[in-house]
């Protein structure tokens, strides 16, 4: 979700839908499995900025025990979309059953999950972490400031949270092939735009992985990281087209002098996408932290 906010699109439901498959492909499954294997039976997980629930859907195939998952999201429309998508997900995954009521249940062959949604603006209100065994977020950790991350890490440690799993934090340096002369200037501007205030103070942006690593280490956690890169192009036409437009828009907002050349750059990239020639690598990083 972080790129959508940086590019001025908000947490658009279509963007989240388009990116879910790319996120699943990019996410480091070894780190994800380690985190899930370390959760206590019937542990309580809180997810920050849950969107429509794509992170939980990515976790469900690895689930081997009962789990309670609290999804925190500011946008009530995304929460409603999430319920629909979990229903469709269960239908397309044999052995899974989706039960919707006051508490949503997802029951599978080797485990089940109790899902509750909570509408909360995390830029204005800190979540209650009492009794929380684990914290998760996907494509969200790069939106917050260093101060917010440091305070949150300290709060998690103080309340006894065992682990944190923060996936798909953007890393500076998108790579487009074939290369063009404007690539570097656009990427510098986009990276600077990512660090604008998203409501939590100056955002970590491409510095999210080292920022969160330092904050969590200071709070007493051990930290491990892994690469989770998107490979965009003809395999993801809608996502790639949306990313290109948003990327140029954000870069030009940051540096308006790029606007004229950026228009030609975008037209050429669209043509390359249509012909099947375009390849884009966008690097993210996943982080797992646990109490020592």
C-alpha atoms as a PDB file:
ATOM      1  CA  UNK A   1       0.000   0.000   0.000  1.00  0.00           C
ATOM      2  CA  UNK A   2       2.892   2.318   0.604  1.00  0.00           C
ATOM      3  CA  UNK A   3       3.554   3.078  -3.069  1.00  0.00           C
ATOM      4  CA  UNK A   4      -0.104   3.976  -3.576  1.00  0.00           C
ATOM      5  CA  UNK A   5       0.012   6.544  -0.782  1.00  0.00           C
ATOM      6  CA  UNK A   6       3.327   7.943  -2.028  1.00  0.00           C
ATOM      7  CA  UNK A   7       1.962   8.289  -5.534  1.00  0.00           C
ATOM      8  CA  UNK A   8      -1.074  10.213  -4.352  1.00  0.00           C
ATOM      9  CA  UNK A   9      -3.614   7.448  -4.947  1.00  0.00           C
ATOM     10  CA  UNK A  10      -4.414   6.703  -1.321  1.00  0.00           C
ATOM     11  CA  UNK A  11      -5.042   3.081  -0.444  1.00  0.00           C
ATOM     12  CA  UNK A  12      -7.102   2.439  -3.566  1.00  0.00           C
ATOM     13  CA  UNK A  13      -8.963  -0.883  -3.570  1.00  0.00           C
ATOM     14  CA  UNK A  14      -8.125  -1.589  -7.224  1.00  0.00           C
ATOM     15  CA  UNK A  15      -4.428  -0.938  -6.568  1.00  0.00           C
ATOM     16  CA  UNK A  16      -4.493  -3.340  -3.628  1.00  0.00           C
ATOM     17  CA  UNK A  17      -6.238  -5.963  -5.752  1.00  0.00           C
ATOM     18  CA  UNK A  18      -3.728  -5.613  -8.598  1.00  0.00           C
ATOM     19  CA  UNK A  19      -0.707  -5.798  -6.336  1.00  0.00           C
ATOM     20  CA  UNK A  20      -1.772  -8.793  -4.229  1.00  0.00           C
ATOM     21  CA  UNK A  21      -0.445 -11.435  -6.635  1.00  0.00           C
ATOM     22  CA  UNK A  22       2.835  -9.534  -7.097  1.00  0.00           C
ATOM     23  CA  UNK A  23       3.189  -9.242  -3.323  1.00  0.00           C
ATOM     24  CA  UNK A  24       2.612 -12.971  -2.892  1.00  0.00           C
ATOM     25  CA  UNK A  25       5.256 -13.740  -5.504  1.00  0.00           C
ATOM     26  CA  UNK A  26       7.755 -11.279  -3.997  1.00  0.00           C
ATOM     27  CA  UNK A  27       7.315 -12.016  -0.291  1.00  0.00           C
ATOM     28  CA  UNK A  28      10.111 -14.093   1.258  1.00  0.00           C
ATOM     29  CA  UNK A  29       8.234 -17.274   2.197  1.00  0.00           C
ATOM     30  CA  UNK A  30      11.047 -18.544   4.408  1.00  0.00           C
ATOM     31  CA  UNK A  31      10.822 -15.516   6.683  1.00  0.00           C
ATOM     32  CA  UNK A  32       7.020 -15.683   6.666  1.00  0.00           C
ATOM     33  CA  UNK A  33       7.028 -19.390   7.591  1.00  0.00           C
ATOM     34  CA  UNK A  34       9.537 -18.792  10.407  1.00  0.00           C
ATOM     35  CA  UNK A  35       7.305 -16.102  11.851  1.00  0.00           C
ATOM     36  CA  UNK A  36       4.157 -18.210  11.657  1.00  0.00           C
ATOM     37  CA  UNK A  37       5.907 -21.280  13.096  1.00  0.00           C
ATOM     38  CA  UNK A  38       6.996 -19.218  16.089  1.00  0.00           C
ATOM     39  CA  UNK A  39       3.512 -17.988  16.981  1.00  0.00           C
ATOM     40  CA  UNK A  40       1.974 -19.412  20.123  1.00  0.00           C
ATOM     41  CA  UNK A  41      -1.128 -21.582  19.792  1.00  0.00           C
ATOM     42  CA  UNK A  42      -4.216 -19.381  19.700  1.00  0.00           C
ATOM     43  CA  UNK A  43      -1.896 -16.362  19.753  1.00  0.00           C
ATOM     44  CA  UNK A  44      -3.271 -12.890  19.163  1.00  0.00           C
ATOM     45  CA  UNK A  45      -1.872 -11.082  16.116  1.00  0.00           C
ATOM     46  CA  UNK A  46      -2.509  -7.402  15.385  1.00  0.00           C
ATOM     47  CA  UNK A  47      -2.007  -6.201  11.809  1.00  0.00           C
ATOM     48  CA  UNK A  48      -1.344  -2.522  11.148  1.00  0.00           C
ATOM     49  CA  UNK A  49      -2.870  -0.977   8.022  1.00  0.00           C
ATOM     50  CA  UNK A  50      -4.518  -4.211   6.921  1.00  0.00           C
ATOM     51  CA  UNK A  51      -6.224  -2.900   3.776  1.00  0.00           C
ATOM     52  CA  UNK A  52      -8.435  -5.708   2.443  1.00  0.00           C
ATOM     53  CA  UNK A  53      -6.524  -8.432   4.309  1.00  0.00           C
ATOM     54  CA  UNK A  54      -4.007  -9.572   1.697  1.00  0.00           C
ATOM     55  CA  UNK A  55      -1.315 -10.379   4.270  1.00  0.00           C
ATOM     56  CA  UNK A  56      -3.600 -12.748   6.158  1.00  0.00           C
ATOM     57  CA  UNK A  57      -4.600 -14.421   2.887  1.00  0.00           C
ATOM     58  CA  UNK A  58      -0.902 -14.971   2.208  1.00  0.00           C
ATOM     59  CA  UNK A  59      -0.479 -16.501   5.668  1.00  0.00           C
ATOM     60  CA  UNK A  60      -3.436 -18.888   5.621  1.00  0.00           C
ATOM     61  CA  UNK A  61      -1.833 -21.648   3.475  1.00  0.00           C
ATOM     62  CA  UNK A  62       0.984 -21.894   6.048  1.00  0.00           C
ATOM     63  CA  UNK A  63      -1.321 -21.976   9.068  1.00  0.00           C
ATOM     64  CA  UNK A  64      -0.866 -25.019  11.306  1.00  0.00           C
ATOM     65  CA  UNK A  65      -2.606 -23.877  14.500  1.00  0.00           C
ATOM     66  CA  UNK A  66      -5.496 -21.747  15.767  1.00  0.00           C
ATOM     67  CA  UNK A  67      -4.911 -18.026  15.387  1.00  0.00           C
ATOM     68  CA  UNK A  68      -6.658 -14.809  16.398  1.00  0.00           C
ATOM     69  CA  UNK A  69      -6.050 -11.973  13.957  1.00  0.00           C
ATOM     70  CA  UNK A  70      -7.096  -8.359  14.543  1.00  0.00           C
ATOM     71  CA  UNK A  71      -6.936  -6.286  11.361  1.00  0.00           C
ATOM     72  CA  UNK A  72      -6.575  -2.541  11.973  1.00  0.00           C
ATOM     73  CA  UNK A  73      -7.583  -0.305   9.068  1.00  0.00           C
ATOM     74  CA  UNK A  74      -8.692   3.324   8.784  1.00  0.00           C
ATOM     75  CA  UNK A  75     -10.788   2.882   5.610  1.00  0.00           C
ATOM     76  CA  UNK A  76     -14.187   1.252   6.187  1.00  0.00           C
ATOM     77  CA  UNK A  77     -14.619   0.663   2.439  1.00  0.00           C
ATOM     78  CA  UNK A  78     -11.466  -1.458   2.360  1.00  0.00           C
ATOM     79  CA  UNK A  79     -12.761  -3.441   5.325  1.00  0.00           C
ATOM     80  CA  UNK A  80     -15.992  -4.179   3.430  1.00  0.00           C
ATOM     81  CA  UNK A  81     -13.997  -5.182   0.343  1.00  0.00           C
ATOM     82  CA  UNK A  82     -11.884  -7.431   2.545  1.00  0.00           C
ATOM     83  CA  UNK A  83     -14.871  -9.489   3.660  1.00  0.00           C
ATOM     84  CA  UNK A  84     -15.807 -10.076   0.014  1.00  0.00           C
ATOM     85  CA  UNK A  85     -12.286 -11.109  -0.919  1.00  0.00           C
ATOM     86  CA  UNK A  86     -11.950 -13.575   1.931  1.00  0.00           C
ATOM     87  CA  UNK A  87     -15.169 -15.218   0.784  1.00  0.00           C
ATOM     88  CA  UNK A  88     -13.857 -15.558  -2.776  1.00  0.00           C
ATOM     89  CA  UNK A  89     -10.475 -16.746  -1.491  1.00  0.00           C
ATOM     90  CA  UNK A  90     -12.072 -19.579   0.492  1.00  0.00           C
ATOM     91  CA  UNK A  91     -14.106 -20.714  -2.520  1.00  0.00           C
ATOM     92  CA  UNK A  92     -10.965 -20.907  -4.665  1.00  0.00           C
ATOM     93  CA  UNK A  93      -8.910 -22.799  -2.050  1.00  0.00           C
ATOM     94  CA  UNK A  94     -10.165 -26.372  -1.475  1.00  0.00           C
ATOM     95  CA  UNK A  95     -10.517 -27.357   2.155  1.00  0.00           C
ATOM     96  CA  UNK A  96     -11.137 -23.822   3.411  1.00  0.00           C
ATOM     97  CA  UNK A  97     -14.422 -22.524   4.765  1.00  0.00           C
ATOM     98  CA  UNK A  98     -15.377 -18.879   5.323  1.00  0.00           C
ATOM     99  CA  UNK A  99     -17.904 -18.048   8.053  1.00  0.00           C
ATOM    100  CA  UNK A 100     -18.978 -14.434   8.441  1.00  0.00           C
ATOM    101  CA  UNK A 101     -20.720 -13.063  11.520  1.00  0.00           C
ATOM    102  CA  UNK A 102     -19.829 -10.793  14.410  1.00  0.00           C
ATOM    103  CA  UNK A 103     -16.527 -12.635  14.283  1.00  0.00           C
ATOM    104  CA  UNK A 104     -15.244 -13.895  10.941  1.00  0.00           C
ATOM    105  CA  UNK A 105     -13.830 -17.425  10.883  1.00  0.00           C
ATOM    106  CA  UNK A 106     -11.600 -19.034   8.292  1.00  0.00           C
ATOM    107  CA  UNK A 107     -11.307 -22.778   8.784  1.00  0.00           C
ATOM    108  CA  UNK A 108      -8.761 -24.856   6.902  1.00  0.00           C
ATOM    109  CA  UNK A 109      -7.315 -28.370   6.773  1.00  0.00           C
ATOM    110  CA  UNK A 110      -4.665 -27.796   9.468  1.00  0.00           C
ATOM    111  CA  UNK A 111      -5.668 -24.660  11.293  1.00  0.00           C
ATOM    112  CA  UNK A 112      -8.274 -21.982  11.663  1.00  0.00           C
ATOM    113  CA  UNK A 113      -8.291 -18.238  12.146  1.00  0.00           C
ATOM    114  CA  UNK A 114     -10.642 -15.918  13.970  1.00  0.00           C
ATOM    115  CA  UNK A 115     -10.605 -12.531  12.218  1.00  0.00           C
ATOM    116  CA  UNK A 116     -11.818  -9.252  13.679  1.00  0.00           C
ATOM    117  CA  UNK A 117     -11.631  -5.856  11.985  1.00  0.00           C
ATOM    118  CA  UNK A 118     -11.126  -2.590  13.822  1.00  0.00           C
ATOM    119  CA  UNK A 119     -11.476   0.860  12.268  1.00  0.00           C
ATOM    120  CA  UNK A 120      -8.668   3.023  13.639  1.00  0.00           C
ATOM    121  CA  UNK A 121      -6.523   5.904  12.399  1.00  0.00           C
ATOM    122  CA  UNK A 122      -3.041   4.893  13.497  1.00  0.00           C
ATOM    123  CA  UNK A 123      -1.715   8.369  12.703  1.00  0.00           C
ATOM    124  CA  UNK A 124      -3.883   9.712  15.526  1.00  0.00           C
ATOM    125  CA  UNK A 125      -4.307   6.802  17.919  1.00  0.00           C
ATOM    126  CA  UNK A 126      -1.941   4.128  19.206  1.00  0.00           C
ATOM    127  CA  UNK A 127      -3.383   0.593  19.212  1.00  0.00           C
ATOM    128  CA  UNK A 128      -3.782  -1.289  22.460  1.00  0.00           C
ATOM    129  CA  UNK A 129      -1.011  -3.897  22.497  1.00  0.00           C
ATOM    130  CA  UNK A 130      -1.848  -5.453  25.873  1.00  0.00           C
ATOM    131  CA  UNK A 131      -1.997  -9.226  25.416  1.00  0.00           C
ATOM    132  CA  UNK A 132      -0.771  -9.068  21.817  1.00  0.00           C
ATOM    133  CA  UNK A 133       1.654 -11.867  20.992  1.00  0.00           C
ATOM    134  CA  UNK A 134       2.647 -10.662  17.517  1.00  0.00           C
ATOM    135  CA  UNK A 135       2.384  -7.617  15.255  1.00  0.00           C
ATOM    136  CA  UNK A 136       2.281  -7.666  11.464  1.00  0.00           C
ATOM    137  CA  UNK A 137       2.172  -5.204   8.587  1.00  0.00           C
ATOM    138  CA  UNK A 138       2.611  -5.398   4.834  1.00  0.00           C
ATOM    139  CA  UNK A 139       3.629  -2.489   2.570  1.00  0.00           C
ATOM    140  CA  UNK A 140       3.011  -0.151   5.479  1.00  0.00           C
ATOM    141  CA  UNK A 141       6.186   0.196   7.546  1.00  0.00           C
ATOM    142  CA  UNK A 142       7.715   2.745   5.164  1.00  0.00           C
ATOM    143  CA  UNK A 143       4.891   5.243   5.771  1.00  0.00           C
ATOM    144  CA  UNK A 144       5.808   6.059   9.363  1.00  0.00           C
ATOM    145  CA  UNK A 145       8.540   8.279  10.769  1.00  0.00           C
ATOM    146  CA  UNK A 146      11.618   7.178  12.689  1.00  0.00           C
ATOM    147  CA  UNK A 147      10.132   8.622  15.903  1.00  0.00           C
ATOM    148  CA  UNK A 148       6.853   6.728  15.412  1.00  0.00           C
ATOM    149  CA  UNK A 149       8.722   3.473  14.724  1.00  0.00           C
ATOM    150  CA  UNK A 150      10.983   3.920  17.754  1.00  0.00           C
ATOM    151  CA  UNK A 151       8.077   4.709  20.086  1.00  0.00           C
ATOM    152  CA  UNK A 152       6.031   1.806  18.736  1.00  0.00           C
ATOM    153  CA  UNK A 153       8.922  -0.648  19.080  1.00  0.00           C
ATOM    154  CA  UNK A 154       9.412   0.439  22.684  1.00  0.00           C
ATOM    155  CA  UNK A 155       5.679   0.017  23.364  1.00  0.00           C
ATOM    156  CA  UNK A 156       5.683  -3.466  21.826  1.00  0.00           C
ATOM    157  CA  UNK A 157       8.615  -4.513  24.001  1.00  0.00           C
ATOM    158  CA  UNK A 158       7.065  -3.016  27.130  1.00  0.00           C
ATOM    159  CA  UNK A 159       3.787  -4.904  26.645  1.00  0.00           C
ATOM    160  CA  UNK A 160       5.538  -8.227  25.973  1.00  0.00           C
ATOM    161  CA  UNK A 161       4.920  -8.637  22.248  1.00  0.00           C
ATOM    162  CA  UNK A 162       6.952 -11.661  21.146  1.00  0.00           C
ATOM    163  CA  UNK A 163       7.494 -10.896  17.456  1.00  0.00           C
ATOM    164  CA  UNK A 164       6.948  -8.421  14.639  1.00  0.00           C
ATOM    165  CA  UNK A 165       6.706  -9.243  10.941  1.00  0.00           C
ATOM    166  CA  UNK A 166       6.923  -6.234   8.614  1.00  0.00           C
ATOM    167  CA  UNK A 167       6.790  -7.218   4.946  1.00  0.00           C
ATOM    168  CA  UNK A 168       7.309  -5.366   1.667  1.00  0.00           C
ATOM    169  CA  UNK A 169       8.985  -2.194   2.889  1.00  0.00           C
ATOM    170  CA  UNK A 170      10.070  -0.231  -0.158  1.00  0.00           C
ATOM    171  CA  UNK A 171      13.798   0.202  -0.857  1.00  0.00           C
ATOM    172  CA  UNK A 172      15.139   3.045  -3.005  1.00  0.00           C
ATOM    173  CA  UNK A 173      16.197   2.289  -6.557  1.00  0.00           C
ATOM    174  CA  UNK A 174      13.555   1.093  -9.046  1.00  0.00           C
ATOM    175  CA  UNK A 175      15.226  -0.392 -12.135  1.00  0.00           C
ATOM    176  CA  UNK A 176      13.531  -0.124 -15.529  1.00  0.00           C
ATOM    177  CA  UNK A 177      14.723  -1.994 -18.613  1.00  0.00           C
ATOM    178  CA  UNK A 178      15.420  -0.917 -21.300  1.00  0.00           C
ATOM    179  CA  UNK A 179      17.203   1.952 -19.552  1.00  0.00           C
ATOM    180  CA  UNK A 180      16.453   5.574 -20.437  1.00  0.00           C
ATOM    181  CA  UNK A 181      18.445   8.756 -19.663  1.00  0.00           C
ATOM    182  CA  UNK A 182      15.736  10.149 -17.365  1.00  0.00           C
ATOM    183  CA  UNK A 183      15.557   7.048 -15.150  1.00  0.00           C
ATOM    184  CA  UNK A 184      17.936   8.248 -12.449  1.00  0.00           C
ATOM    185  CA  UNK A 185      16.411  11.715 -12.072  1.00  0.00           C
ATOM    186  CA  UNK A 186      12.900  10.285 -11.833  1.00  0.00           C
ATOM    187  CA  UNK A 187      13.936   7.742  -9.247  1.00  0.00           C
ATOM    188  CA  UNK A 188      15.682  10.341  -7.083  1.00  0.00           C
ATOM    189  CA  UNK A 189      12.544  12.479  -7.125  1.00  0.00           C
ATOM    190  CA  UNK A 190      10.273   9.532  -6.389  1.00  0.00           C
ATOM    191  CA  UNK A 191      12.447   8.395  -3.477  1.00  0.00           C
ATOM    192  CA  UNK A 192      12.315  11.906  -2.021  1.00  0.00           C
ATOM    193  CA  UNK A 193       8.518  11.923  -2.423  1.00  0.00           C
ATOM    194  CA  UNK A 194       8.314   8.648  -0.500  1.00  0.00           C
ATOM    195  CA  UNK A 195       9.844  10.437   2.486  1.00  0.00           C
ATOM    196  CA  UNK A 196       7.127  13.089   2.669  1.00  0.00           C
ATOM    197  CA  UNK A 197       4.902  13.143   5.735  1.00  0.00           C
ATOM    198  CA  UNK A 198       2.129  10.511   5.383  1.00  0.00           C
ATOM    199  CA  UNK A 199       0.507  11.521   8.669  1.00  0.00           C
ATOM    200  CA  UNK A 200       3.112  10.059  11.028  1.00  0.00           C
ATOM    201  CA  UNK A 201       5.858  12.644  10.529  1.00  0.00           C
ATOM    202  CA  UNK A 202       8.586  12.514   7.850  1.00  0.00           C
ATOM    203  CA  UNK A 203       8.234   9.021   6.383  1.00  0.00           C
ATOM    204  CA  UNK A 204      11.018   6.446   6.473  1.00  0.00           C
ATOM    205  CA  UNK A 205      10.358   5.667   2.812  1.00  0.00           C
ATOM    206  CA  UNK A 206      13.259   3.766   1.295  1.00  0.00           C
ATOM    207  CA  UNK A 207      15.014   3.833   4.666  1.00  0.00           C
ATOM    208  CA  UNK A 208      12.310   1.770   6.371  1.00  0.00           C
ATOM    209  CA  UNK A 209      14.278  -1.455   6.659  1.00  0.00           C
ATOM    210  CA  UNK A 210      17.324   0.021   8.454  1.00  0.00           C
ATOM    211  CA  UNK A 211      15.065   2.369  10.407  1.00  0.00           C
ATOM    212  CA  UNK A 212      12.824  -0.354  11.796  1.00  0.00           C
ATOM    213  CA  UNK A 213      15.817  -2.649  12.340  1.00  0.00           C
ATOM    214  CA  UNK A 214      17.494  -0.008  14.497  1.00  0.00           C
ATOM    215  CA  UNK A 215      14.297   0.806  16.399  1.00  0.00           C
ATOM    216  CA  UNK A 216      13.532  -2.834  17.174  1.00  0.00           C
ATOM    217  CA  UNK A 217      17.126  -3.689  18.074  1.00  0.00           C
ATOM    218  CA  UNK A 218      17.167  -0.754  20.480  1.00  0.00           C
ATOM    219  CA  UNK A 219      13.966  -2.121  22.050  1.00  0.00           C
ATOM    220  CA  UNK A 220      15.629  -5.499  22.677  1.00  0.00           C
ATOM    221  CA  UNK A 221      14.531  -7.544  19.666  1.00  0.00           C
ATOM    222  CA  UNK A 222      16.694  -9.626  17.362  1.00  0.00           C
ATOM    223  CA  UNK A 223      16.110  -8.782  13.716  1.00  0.00           C
ATOM    224  CA  UNK A 224      16.429 -10.664  10.436  1.00  0.00           C
ATOM    225  CA  UNK A 225      15.643  -9.323   6.961  1.00  0.00           C
ATOM    226  CA  UNK A 226      15.138 -10.669   3.454  1.00  0.00           C
ATOM    227  CA  UNK A 227      14.633  -9.267  -0.037  1.00  0.00           C
ATOM    228  CA  UNK A 228      11.117  -9.190  -1.520  1.00  0.00           C
ATOM    229  CA  UNK A 229      11.341  -7.633  -4.979  1.00  0.00           C
ATOM    230  CA  UNK A 230       8.564  -7.028  -7.466  1.00  0.00           C
ATOM    231  CA  UNK A 231       9.237  -8.061 -11.075  1.00  0.00           C
ATOM    232  CA  UNK A 232       6.767  -6.026 -13.120  1.00  0.00           C
ATOM    233  CA  UNK A 233       6.045  -6.051 -16.821  1.00  0.00           C
ATOM    234  CA  UNK A 234       3.654  -7.913 -19.142  1.00  0.00           C
ATOM    235  CA  UNK A 235       2.809 -10.494 -16.459  1.00  0.00           C
ATOM    236  CA  UNK A 236       1.154  -7.727 -14.406  1.00  0.00           C
ATOM    237  CA  UNK A 237      -0.191  -5.275 -17.015  1.00  0.00           C
ATOM    238  CA  UNK A 238      -2.686  -3.374 -14.842  1.00  0.00           C
ATOM    239  CA  UNK A 239      -0.343  -3.103 -11.868  1.00  0.00           C
ATOM    240  CA  UNK A 240       2.581  -2.060 -14.066  1.00  0.00           C
ATOM    241  CA  UNK A 241       0.539   0.589 -15.892  1.00  0.00           C
ATOM    242  CA  UNK A 242      -0.769   2.007 -12.618  1.00  0.00           C
ATOM    243  CA  UNK A 243       2.711   2.008 -11.093  1.00  0.00           C
ATOM    244  CA  UNK A 244       4.190   3.858 -14.080  1.00  0.00           C
ATOM    245  CA  UNK A 245       1.557   6.596 -13.945  1.00  0.00           C
ATOM    246  CA  UNK A 246       1.809   7.031 -10.199  1.00  0.00           C
ATOM    247  CA  UNK A 247       5.602   6.933 -10.262  1.00  0.00           C
ATOM    248  CA  UNK A 248       5.781   9.781 -12.768  1.00  0.00           C
ATOM    249  CA  UNK A 249       3.102  11.773 -10.956  1.00  0.00           C
ATOM    250  CA  UNK A 250       4.949  11.551  -7.634  1.00  0.00           C
ATOM    251  CA  UNK A 251       8.322  12.353  -9.191  1.00  0.00           C
ATOM    252  CA  UNK A 252       6.919  15.439 -10.918  1.00  0.00           C
ATOM    253  CA  UNK A 253       5.203  16.605  -7.744  1.00  0.00           C
ATOM    254  CA  UNK A 254       8.576  16.416  -6.057  1.00  0.00           C
ATOM    255  CA  UNK A 255      10.479  18.014  -8.960  1.00  0.00           C
ATOM    256  CA  UNK A 256       8.163  19.884 -11.379  1.00  0.00           C
ATOM    257  CA  UNK A 257      11.080  20.599 -13.731  1.00  0.00           C
ATOM    258  CA  UNK A 258      10.906  16.952 -14.808  1.00  0.00           C
ATOM    259  CA  UNK A 259       7.341  17.232 -16.115  1.00  0.00           C
ATOM    260  CA  UNK A 260       7.967  17.734 -19.850  1.00  0.00           C
ATOM    261  CA  UNK A 261      10.599  15.015 -20.213  1.00  0.00           C
ATOM    262  CA  UNK A 262       8.640  12.727 -17.889  1.00  0.00           C
ATOM    263  CA  UNK A 263       5.628  12.826 -20.207  1.00  0.00           C
ATOM    264  CA  UNK A 264       7.720  11.473 -23.066  1.00  0.00           C
ATOM    265  CA  UNK A 265       9.304   8.917 -20.723  1.00  0.00           C
ATOM    266  CA  UNK A 266       5.865   7.663 -19.680  1.00  0.00           C
ATOM    267  CA  UNK A 267       4.628   7.370 -23.270  1.00  0.00           C
ATOM    268  CA  UNK A 268       7.687   5.326 -24.198  1.00  0.00           C
ATOM    269  CA  UNK A 269       7.301   3.057 -21.162  1.00  0.00           C
ATOM    270  CA  UNK A 270       3.628   2.457 -21.997  1.00  0.00           C
ATOM    271  CA  UNK A 271       4.603   1.461 -25.517  1.00  0.00           C
ATOM    272  CA  UNK A 272       7.255  -0.900 -24.156  1.00  0.00           C
ATOM    273  CA  UNK A 273       4.702  -2.451 -21.818  1.00  0.00           C
ATOM    274  CA  UNK A 274       2.246  -2.965 -24.685  1.00  0.00           C
ATOM    275  CA  UNK A 275       4.939  -4.608 -26.831  1.00  0.00           C
ATOM    276  CA  UNK A 276       6.123  -6.875 -24.014  1.00  0.00           C
ATOM    277  CA  UNK A 277       9.591  -5.293 -23.852  1.00  0.00           C
ATOM    278  CA  UNK A 278       9.351  -3.568 -20.455  1.00  0.00           C
ATOM    279  CA  UNK A 279      10.798  -5.067 -17.274  1.00  0.00           C
ATOM    280  CA  UNK A 280      10.775  -3.266 -13.917  1.00  0.00           C
ATOM    281  CA  UNK A 281      12.408  -4.425 -10.702  1.00  0.00           C
ATOM    282  CA  UNK A 282      11.170  -2.722  -7.541  1.00  0.00           C
ATOM    283  CA  UNK A 283      12.990  -3.861  -4.452  1.00  0.00           C
ATOM    284  CA  UNK A 284      11.261  -4.290  -1.103  1.00  0.00           C
ATOM    285  CA  UNK A 285      12.494  -5.816   2.115  1.00  0.00           C
ATOM    286  CA  UNK A 286      10.822  -8.066   4.698  1.00  0.00           C
ATOM    287  CA  UNK A 287      11.699  -7.924   8.386  1.00  0.00           C
ATOM    288  CA  UNK A 288      11.224 -10.388  11.237  1.00  0.00           C
ATOM    289  CA  UNK A 289      11.936  -9.350  14.822  1.00  0.00           C
ATOM    290  CA  UNK A 290      11.665 -11.541  17.913  1.00  0.00           C
ATOM    291  CA  UNK A 291      12.327 -11.195  21.619  1.00  0.00           C
ATOM    292  CA  UNK A 292      15.689 -12.409  22.856  1.00  0.00           C
END
